[in-house]
């Protein structure tokens, strides 16, 4: 399924940033990134198959942010990564209420972080973007057997993209603060 969002569709997410903030909209490549040796997209657990492409787009965004910071000799304090298919029902609120050094995100299920958006201080972005990266331009996904093993150990509840993200952030000592998932829902879920 191919979906395109217009700037009008993205404006609710962009408006969350506030008037004095800078936004970067990164459009992903049409092609899917290369997977680690021996792994094919057909091997990916069904809810993991889009992870490499989604995180490739996030890595592209990080590069754009870094270029902007160098070009204008500034550093961003906060970064909000959001999917373009979200309908925002409530504003995030003032950034002062968020804990610096933590990733703030919704959870797919009670124990599994979601991939809808991530709000974090700038220094955490380099950790966040590498959740599916194996080596330069080579990505990974969890297979069904890997998801089954993680679920049996209680490390994941379902095996969504957030499962890999949560494990990755935990390995790097990054704390995650839960934001109610009702704040923003994908268009396909809002129509139901």
C-alpha atoms as a PDB file:
ATOM      1  CA  UNK A   1       0.000   0.000   0.000  1.00  0.00           C
ATOM      2  CA  UNK A   2       1.446   3.306  -1.061  1.00  0.00           C
ATOM      3  CA  UNK A   3       0.290   6.432   0.729  1.00  0.00           C
ATOM      4  CA  UNK A   4       1.196  10.042   0.088  1.00  0.00           C
ATOM      5  CA  UNK A   5       0.577  12.869   2.507  1.00  0.00           C
ATOM      6  CA  UNK A   6       0.219  16.463   1.419  1.00  0.00           C
ATOM      7  CA  UNK A   7       1.567  19.428   3.362  1.00  0.00           C
ATOM      8  CA  UNK A   8      -2.028  20.058   4.482  1.00  0.00           C
ATOM      9  CA  UNK A   9      -2.116  16.549   5.977  1.00  0.00           C
ATOM     10  CA  UNK A  10       1.129  17.226   7.844  1.00  0.00           C
ATOM     11  CA  UNK A  11       0.182  20.639   9.239  1.00  0.00           C
ATOM     12  CA  UNK A  12      -1.388  19.339  12.497  1.00  0.00           C
ATOM     13  CA  UNK A  13       1.887  17.583  13.374  1.00  0.00           C
ATOM     14  CA  UNK A  14       3.943  20.578  12.287  1.00  0.00           C
ATOM     15  CA  UNK A  15       1.776  22.973  14.332  1.00  0.00           C
ATOM     16  CA  UNK A  16       2.569  20.931  17.446  1.00  0.00           C
ATOM     17  CA  UNK A  17       6.116  22.292  17.235  1.00  0.00           C
ATOM     18  CA  UNK A  18       5.055  25.899  17.797  1.00  0.00           C
ATOM     19  CA  UNK A  19       5.673  29.155  15.972  1.00  0.00           C
ATOM     20  CA  UNK A  20       9.339  29.614  16.878  1.00  0.00           C
ATOM     21  CA  UNK A  21      10.460  26.101  15.990  1.00  0.00           C
ATOM     22  CA  UNK A  22      12.044  24.827  12.811  1.00  0.00           C
ATOM     23  CA  UNK A  23      10.686  21.770  11.028  1.00  0.00           C
ATOM     24  CA  UNK A  24      12.263  19.421   8.523  1.00  0.00           C
ATOM     25  CA  UNK A  25      10.124  17.234   6.328  1.00  0.00           C
ATOM     26  CA  UNK A  26      12.070  14.312   4.892  1.00  0.00           C
ATOM     27  CA  UNK A  27      10.634  12.243   2.082  1.00  0.00           C
ATOM     28  CA  UNK A  28      11.854   8.660   2.062  1.00  0.00           C
ATOM     29  CA  UNK A  29      13.522   6.950  -0.891  1.00  0.00           C
ATOM     30  CA  UNK A  30      11.257   4.849  -3.088  1.00  0.00           C
ATOM     31  CA  UNK A  31      13.490   1.792  -2.646  1.00  0.00           C
ATOM     32  CA  UNK A  32      13.823  -0.297   0.476  1.00  0.00           C
ATOM     33  CA  UNK A  33      17.267  -0.369   2.095  1.00  0.00           C
ATOM     34  CA  UNK A  34      19.595  -3.352   1.927  1.00  0.00           C
ATOM     35  CA  UNK A  35      19.203  -5.852   4.767  1.00  0.00           C
ATOM     36  CA  UNK A  36      21.989  -7.560   6.721  1.00  0.00           C
ATOM     37  CA  UNK A  37      23.615 -10.510   4.914  1.00  0.00           C
ATOM     38  CA  UNK A  38      21.369 -13.567   4.746  1.00  0.00           C
ATOM     39  CA  UNK A  39      18.174 -11.656   5.591  1.00  0.00           C
ATOM     40  CA  UNK A  40      15.382 -10.994   3.076  1.00  0.00           C
ATOM     41  CA  UNK A  41      12.286  -8.867   3.528  1.00  0.00           C
ATOM     42  CA  UNK A  42      10.189 -12.026   3.283  1.00  0.00           C
ATOM     43  CA  UNK A  43      11.994 -13.239   6.444  1.00  0.00           C
ATOM     44  CA  UNK A  44      10.783 -10.233   8.470  1.00  0.00           C
ATOM     45  CA  UNK A  45       7.995 -10.677  10.989  1.00  0.00           C
ATOM     46  CA  UNK A  46       4.960  -9.086   9.302  1.00  0.00           C
ATOM     47  CA  UNK A  47       4.924  -6.021  11.565  1.00  0.00           C
ATOM     48  CA  UNK A  48       8.689  -5.527  11.158  1.00  0.00           C
ATOM     49  CA  UNK A  49       8.852  -5.404   7.359  1.00  0.00           C
ATOM     50  CA  UNK A  50       8.511  -1.612   7.147  1.00  0.00           C
ATOM     51  CA  UNK A  51      11.022  -0.942   9.948  1.00  0.00           C
ATOM     52  CA  UNK A  52      14.152  -0.704   7.799  1.00  0.00           C
ATOM     53  CA  UNK A  53      12.500   1.742   5.369  1.00  0.00           C
ATOM     54  CA  UNK A  54      10.957   3.811   8.144  1.00  0.00           C
ATOM     55  CA  UNK A  55      14.275   4.042  10.016  1.00  0.00           C
ATOM     56  CA  UNK A  56      16.140   4.803   6.785  1.00  0.00           C
ATOM     57  CA  UNK A  57      13.854   7.838   6.503  1.00  0.00           C
ATOM     58  CA  UNK A  58      14.606   8.795  10.112  1.00  0.00           C
ATOM     59  CA  UNK A  59      18.347   8.514   9.389  1.00  0.00           C
ATOM     60  CA  UNK A  60      17.884  10.790   6.366  1.00  0.00           C
ATOM     61  CA  UNK A  61      16.114  13.289   8.616  1.00  0.00           C
ATOM     62  CA  UNK A  62      18.977  13.161  11.118  1.00  0.00           C
ATOM     63  CA  UNK A  63      21.442  13.944   8.323  1.00  0.00           C
ATOM     64  CA  UNK A  64      19.289  16.922   7.278  1.00  0.00           C
ATOM     65  CA  UNK A  65      19.200  18.152  10.878  1.00  0.00           C
ATOM     66  CA  UNK A  66      22.988  17.814  11.204  1.00  0.00           C
ATOM     67  CA  UNK A  67      23.548  19.727   7.945  1.00  0.00           C
ATOM     68  CA  UNK A  68      21.222  22.494   9.113  1.00  0.00           C
ATOM     69  CA  UNK A  69      22.994  22.749  12.476  1.00  0.00           C
ATOM     70  CA  UNK A  70      26.390  23.050  10.759  1.00  0.00           C
ATOM     71  CA  UNK A  71      25.162  25.503   8.122  1.00  0.00           C
ATOM     72  CA  UNK A  72      23.572  27.845  10.677  1.00  0.00           C
ATOM     73  CA  UNK A  73      25.951  27.156  13.598  1.00  0.00           C
ATOM     74  CA  UNK A  74      23.154  26.114  15.940  1.00  0.00           C
ATOM     75  CA  UNK A  75      22.146  23.064  17.950  1.00  0.00           C
ATOM     76  CA  UNK A  76      18.598  21.915  18.410  1.00  0.00           C
ATOM     77  CA  UNK A  77      17.472  21.120  21.925  1.00  0.00           C
ATOM     78  CA  UNK A  78      14.508  18.895  21.093  1.00  0.00           C
ATOM     79  CA  UNK A  79      13.612  16.672  18.144  1.00  0.00           C
ATOM     80  CA  UNK A  80      10.125  15.420  17.313  1.00  0.00           C
ATOM     81  CA  UNK A  81      10.009  12.524  14.856  1.00  0.00           C
ATOM     82  CA  UNK A  82       6.506  11.757  13.661  1.00  0.00           C
ATOM     83  CA  UNK A  83       4.861   9.573  11.089  1.00  0.00           C
ATOM     84  CA  UNK A  84       3.073  11.547   8.353  1.00  0.00           C
ATOM     85  CA  UNK A  85      -0.132   9.495   8.607  1.00  0.00           C
ATOM     86  CA  UNK A  86      -1.079  10.700  12.091  1.00  0.00           C
ATOM     87  CA  UNK A  87      -4.123  12.704  13.023  1.00  0.00           C
ATOM     88  CA  UNK A  88      -3.307  14.744  16.126  1.00  0.00           C
ATOM     89  CA  UNK A  89      -6.201  14.941  18.569  1.00  0.00           C
ATOM     90  CA  UNK A  90      -4.437  16.886  21.336  1.00  0.00           C
ATOM     91  CA  UNK A  91      -1.347  19.105  21.491  1.00  0.00           C
ATOM     92  CA  UNK A  92       1.772  17.703  23.122  1.00  0.00           C
ATOM     93  CA  UNK A  93       1.990  20.650  25.486  1.00  0.00           C
ATOM     94  CA  UNK A  94       4.965  22.735  26.525  1.00  0.00           C
ATOM     95  CA  UNK A  95       8.399  21.129  26.198  1.00  0.00           C
ATOM     96  CA  UNK A  96       9.274  22.124  29.784  1.00  0.00           C
ATOM     97  CA  UNK A  97       7.047  19.323  31.039  1.00  0.00           C
ATOM     98  CA  UNK A  98       9.158  16.651  29.322  1.00  0.00           C
ATOM     99  CA  UNK A  99      12.233  15.134  30.946  1.00  0.00           C
ATOM    100  CA  UNK A 100      15.465  15.877  29.028  1.00  0.00           C
ATOM    101  CA  UNK A 101      17.491  12.763  28.254  1.00  0.00           C
ATOM    102  CA  UNK A 102      14.426  10.544  27.877  1.00  0.00           C
ATOM    103  CA  UNK A 103      12.540   9.427  24.755  1.00  0.00           C
ATOM    104  CA  UNK A 104       8.849  10.312  25.044  1.00  0.00           C
ATOM    105  CA  UNK A 105       6.590   8.053  22.976  1.00  0.00           C
ATOM    106  CA  UNK A 106       3.283   6.255  22.817  1.00  0.00           C
ATOM    107  CA  UNK A 107       3.106   2.544  23.488  1.00  0.00           C
ATOM    108  CA  UNK A 108       1.600   0.044  21.041  1.00  0.00           C
ATOM    109  CA  UNK A 109       0.473  -2.176  23.871  1.00  0.00           C
ATOM    110  CA  UNK A 110       0.984  -1.710  27.584  1.00  0.00           C
ATOM    111  CA  UNK A 111       4.562  -2.999  27.511  1.00  0.00           C
ATOM    112  CA  UNK A 112       5.690  -2.210  23.963  1.00  0.00           C
ATOM    113  CA  UNK A 113       6.767   1.230  22.752  1.00  0.00           C
ATOM    114  CA  UNK A 114       5.081   2.464  19.578  1.00  0.00           C
ATOM    115  CA  UNK A 115       6.527   3.936  16.398  1.00  0.00           C
ATOM    116  CA  UNK A 116       3.998   6.755  15.938  1.00  0.00           C
ATOM    117  CA  UNK A 117       6.318   9.484  17.151  1.00  0.00           C
ATOM    118  CA  UNK A 118       9.308  10.083  19.358  1.00  0.00           C
ATOM    119  CA  UNK A 119      10.124  13.277  21.223  1.00  0.00           C
ATOM    120  CA  UNK A 120      13.674  13.472  22.530  1.00  0.00           C
ATOM    121  CA  UNK A 121      16.529  15.794  23.265  1.00  0.00           C
ATOM    122  CA  UNK A 122      18.997  16.163  20.403  1.00  0.00           C
ATOM    123  CA  UNK A 123      21.717  13.959  21.891  1.00  0.00           C
ATOM    124  CA  UNK A 124      19.401  10.924  21.845  1.00  0.00           C
ATOM    125  CA  UNK A 125      18.659  11.143  18.127  1.00  0.00           C
ATOM    126  CA  UNK A 126      21.876   9.362  17.126  1.00  0.00           C
ATOM    127  CA  UNK A 127      20.863   6.392  19.314  1.00  0.00           C
ATOM    128  CA  UNK A 128      17.220   6.406  18.167  1.00  0.00           C
ATOM    129  CA  UNK A 129      18.066   6.370  14.441  1.00  0.00           C
ATOM    130  CA  UNK A 130      20.265   3.277  14.747  1.00  0.00           C
ATOM    131  CA  UNK A 131      17.518   0.983  16.091  1.00  0.00           C
ATOM    132  CA  UNK A 132      17.336  -0.954  12.795  1.00  0.00           C
ATOM    133  CA  UNK A 133      20.798  -0.146  11.443  1.00  0.00           C
ATOM    134  CA  UNK A 134      23.359  -2.970  11.353  1.00  0.00           C
ATOM    135  CA  UNK A 135      26.144  -1.245   9.429  1.00  0.00           C
ATOM    136  CA  UNK A 136      26.449   1.705   7.090  1.00  0.00           C
ATOM    137  CA  UNK A 137      23.305   1.610   4.902  1.00  0.00           C
ATOM    138  CA  UNK A 138      22.483  -1.983   5.974  1.00  0.00           C
ATOM    139  CA  UNK A 139      19.392  -2.585   8.086  1.00  0.00           C
ATOM    140  CA  UNK A 140      17.725  -5.414   9.992  1.00  0.00           C
ATOM    141  CA  UNK A 141      14.288  -6.563  11.028  1.00  0.00           C
ATOM    142  CA  UNK A 142      13.160  -9.188  13.501  1.00  0.00           C
ATOM    143  CA  UNK A 143      12.105 -12.534  12.078  1.00  0.00           C
ATOM    144  CA  UNK A 144       9.118 -14.484  13.406  1.00  0.00           C
ATOM    145  CA  UNK A 145      11.394 -16.833  15.362  1.00  0.00           C
ATOM    146  CA  UNK A 146      13.260 -13.851  16.896  1.00  0.00           C
ATOM    147  CA  UNK A 147       9.941 -12.223  17.855  1.00  0.00           C
ATOM    148  CA  UNK A 148       8.677 -15.510  19.332  1.00  0.00           C
ATOM    149  CA  UNK A 149      11.854 -15.798  21.439  1.00  0.00           C
ATOM    150  CA  UNK A 150      11.531 -12.181  22.666  1.00  0.00           C
ATOM    151  CA  UNK A 151       7.851 -12.654  23.501  1.00  0.00           C
ATOM    152  CA  UNK A 152       8.594 -15.862  25.427  1.00  0.00           C
ATOM    153  CA  UNK A 153      11.231 -13.969  27.475  1.00  0.00           C
ATOM    154  CA  UNK A 154       8.749 -11.173  28.174  1.00  0.00           C
ATOM    155  CA  UNK A 155      10.833  -8.606  26.277  1.00  0.00           C
ATOM    156  CA  UNK A 156       8.072  -7.919  23.751  1.00  0.00           C
ATOM    157  CA  UNK A 157       4.342  -8.349  23.878  1.00  0.00           C
ATOM    158  CA  UNK A 158       3.599  -8.394  20.176  1.00  0.00           C
ATOM    159  CA  UNK A 159       6.662  -7.856  17.971  1.00  0.00           C
ATOM    160  CA  UNK A 160       5.900  -4.443  16.514  1.00  0.00           C
ATOM    161  CA  UNK A 161       8.615  -2.024  15.370  1.00  0.00           C
ATOM    162  CA  UNK A 162       8.541  -0.663  18.896  1.00  0.00           C
ATOM    163  CA  UNK A 163       9.772  -4.006  20.225  1.00  0.00           C
ATOM    164  CA  UNK A 164      13.100  -3.615  18.423  1.00  0.00           C
ATOM    165  CA  UNK A 165      13.217   0.109  19.263  1.00  0.00           C
ATOM    166  CA  UNK A 166      12.591  -0.496  22.960  1.00  0.00           C
ATOM    167  CA  UNK A 167      15.250  -3.207  23.180  1.00  0.00           C
ATOM    168  CA  UNK A 168      17.722  -0.996  21.309  1.00  0.00           C
ATOM    169  CA  UNK A 169      17.096   2.034  23.537  1.00  0.00           C
ATOM    170  CA  UNK A 170      17.394  -0.175  26.638  1.00  0.00           C
ATOM    171  CA  UNK A 171      20.800  -1.471  25.492  1.00  0.00           C
ATOM    172  CA  UNK A 172      21.945   2.140  25.312  1.00  0.00           C
ATOM    173  CA  UNK A 173      20.551   3.045  28.743  1.00  0.00           C
ATOM    174  CA  UNK A 174      17.850   5.336  27.336  1.00  0.00           C
ATOM    175  CA  UNK A 175      14.709   5.695  29.456  1.00  0.00           C
ATOM    176  CA  UNK A 176      11.310   5.904  27.785  1.00  0.00           C
ATOM    177  CA  UNK A 177       8.449   8.028  29.095  1.00  0.00           C
ATOM    178  CA  UNK A 178       4.953   6.922  28.104  1.00  0.00           C
ATOM    179  CA  UNK A 179       2.619   9.385  26.359  1.00  0.00           C
ATOM    180  CA  UNK A 180      -1.042   8.355  25.972  1.00  0.00           C
ATOM    181  CA  UNK A 181      -1.516   6.827  22.537  1.00  0.00           C
ATOM    182  CA  UNK A 182      -4.830   8.647  22.103  1.00  0.00           C
ATOM    183  CA  UNK A 183      -2.908  11.890  21.451  1.00  0.00           C
ATOM    184  CA  UNK A 184      -2.437  10.904  17.785  1.00  0.00           C
ATOM    185  CA  UNK A 185      -3.793   8.033  15.728  1.00  0.00           C
ATOM    186  CA  UNK A 186      -3.023   6.864  12.195  1.00  0.00           C
ATOM    187  CA  UNK A 187      -5.605   7.916   9.599  1.00  0.00           C
ATOM    188  CA  UNK A 188      -6.679   4.336   8.971  1.00  0.00           C
ATOM    189  CA  UNK A 189      -7.488   3.885  12.681  1.00  0.00           C
ATOM    190  CA  UNK A 190      -9.233   7.261  13.016  1.00  0.00           C
ATOM    191  CA  UNK A 191     -11.686   6.389  10.252  1.00  0.00           C
ATOM    192  CA  UNK A 192     -12.911   3.279  12.085  1.00  0.00           C
END
